[in-house]
Amino acid sequence: MGIYEELQARGLIAQVTNEPEIREMVNTGKATFYIGFDPTADSLHVGHFMALCLMKRLQMAGNRPVVLVGGGTGYIGDPSGRTDMRNMMTPETIQHNCDCFKRQMERFIDFGEDKAIMVNNADWLLKLNYIDLLRDVGACFSVNNMLRAECYKQRMEKGLSFLEFNYMIMQSYDFYYLFQHYGCNMQFGGDDQWSNMLGGTELIRRKLGKDAHAMTITLLLNSEGKKMGKTASGAVWLDPNKTTPFDFYQYWRNVGDADVLKCIRMLTFLPLEQIDAMDAWEGSQLNQAKEILAYELTKLVHGEEEANKAQEAARALFGGSGSSENMPATQLPEARFTDGKIGAIELLVACGLCASNGEARRLIQQGGVAVNDQKVASIDVTFDQAQFAGDGVVIKKGKKVFHRAYTA
């Protein structure tokens, strides 16, 4: 089985421009392909996971990845999948985010001479002359066709700025530039990027008279059709300082029964034969499948040691032993205590378990909080500073979120 057939079997391929040619190129290791990442935060998140895994799979099959970080397009912002305009970022923030991306990607992709490379589209986009761009590139785009693109149609009612309207042209120019300077003959991206990617292949055809190719990856959706990778508190990040390895593990351990085997097939590197054997699993076996999913993905992102710690901590907690050694923890400073006490509401906010006092109040009133296995019965409950000495206390939020709070 070639890599293209494997991608199909894993359910990863959504749309392609020329299947026979793409199949031949990736199966013989002749693809130099790129995927773009706009640096809108200082960490990649689960939404980027599919793209990172795809790059790893294709590189393992002998193809060459080009990681494009959008230092230039980050000044504009991609309207795809959004109903509002992105916040404008400073050049310093964009560069910082790009540097953070590189460090995280090195866990997935092998960079080096004749291997993967990382480029920043700020190196060419910021040098473009506006009049020259309009004459040289703008003439190749039909406004009518652009407005039919899904990424623009969904924004028309709320208002689409001219700034964002240029995003397709910028992304298309990236492909055009990479084709000429790096021999990049393919672009991969999420299924919501299809219109932008076709813009690039068309620009190359019209300007250079040559063929380039595009393939979109299936979006990671749950059984309800919603994008995976978000919790009530926000995105699931790949940075351990933003989402701990334990929380990352728990996110995947808690996916729905209907989603676990799909996630194993699409995201892990387990052999397809092993995954196929799981298709008949049901009942308690699905819990085993969730453990496999959580462990494999945590190992991929954070390494085997952290994956083992997260798995042991989860098994101890949910097995009833109450071990708190590897669970997420917050050290409470002296200033958090008033007259040697801290209220339940402030405790939840201080530990990042609730975003606001109001959210903490509602959670307690709904009976969703326990400290050291004792339900917090009132919003007026307080805890003595002495209780947080040593290993501290274990806070349980709902049925599946555990957190340790302690003092120095």
Foldseek 3Di string as FASTA:
>chain_A
DFLVVLCVVLQWFDDKDDVVVVSVCLRQQNAEEEEEDELLDLFAFPQCQLVLQVQLSSVVSNHAYEYEYALPCNQQDALQPHQDGRDGDDSVSRVNSVVSHVVQSVLRFPDDVVHYYYDYCCVPPVPDDPVCCCVLQVVLDDPVLLCVQPSNVSHVVVDDDPSNSCSLSSLLVVLLVCCVPVVRQEYEEAPSCVSSRVSNQSSCCVPPVDGGMYIYTYACAAPVRHGPQADPLGGGTLDCVVPNLLNQLLSLLPGDLRCLLSLCSSRAPPDPVVSVVCPPDDDPVSSVSSLVSSLRVSCSRPNNVSSVLSSVCQCCCVVPVNDDPRAAEDADDPVQDDPQKHFQLSVCCRSVVDVDSVRSQVQLCVQFKDKQNHTNNHRGDMDGLVQQADQHIWMGGHDRHIYGYHYD
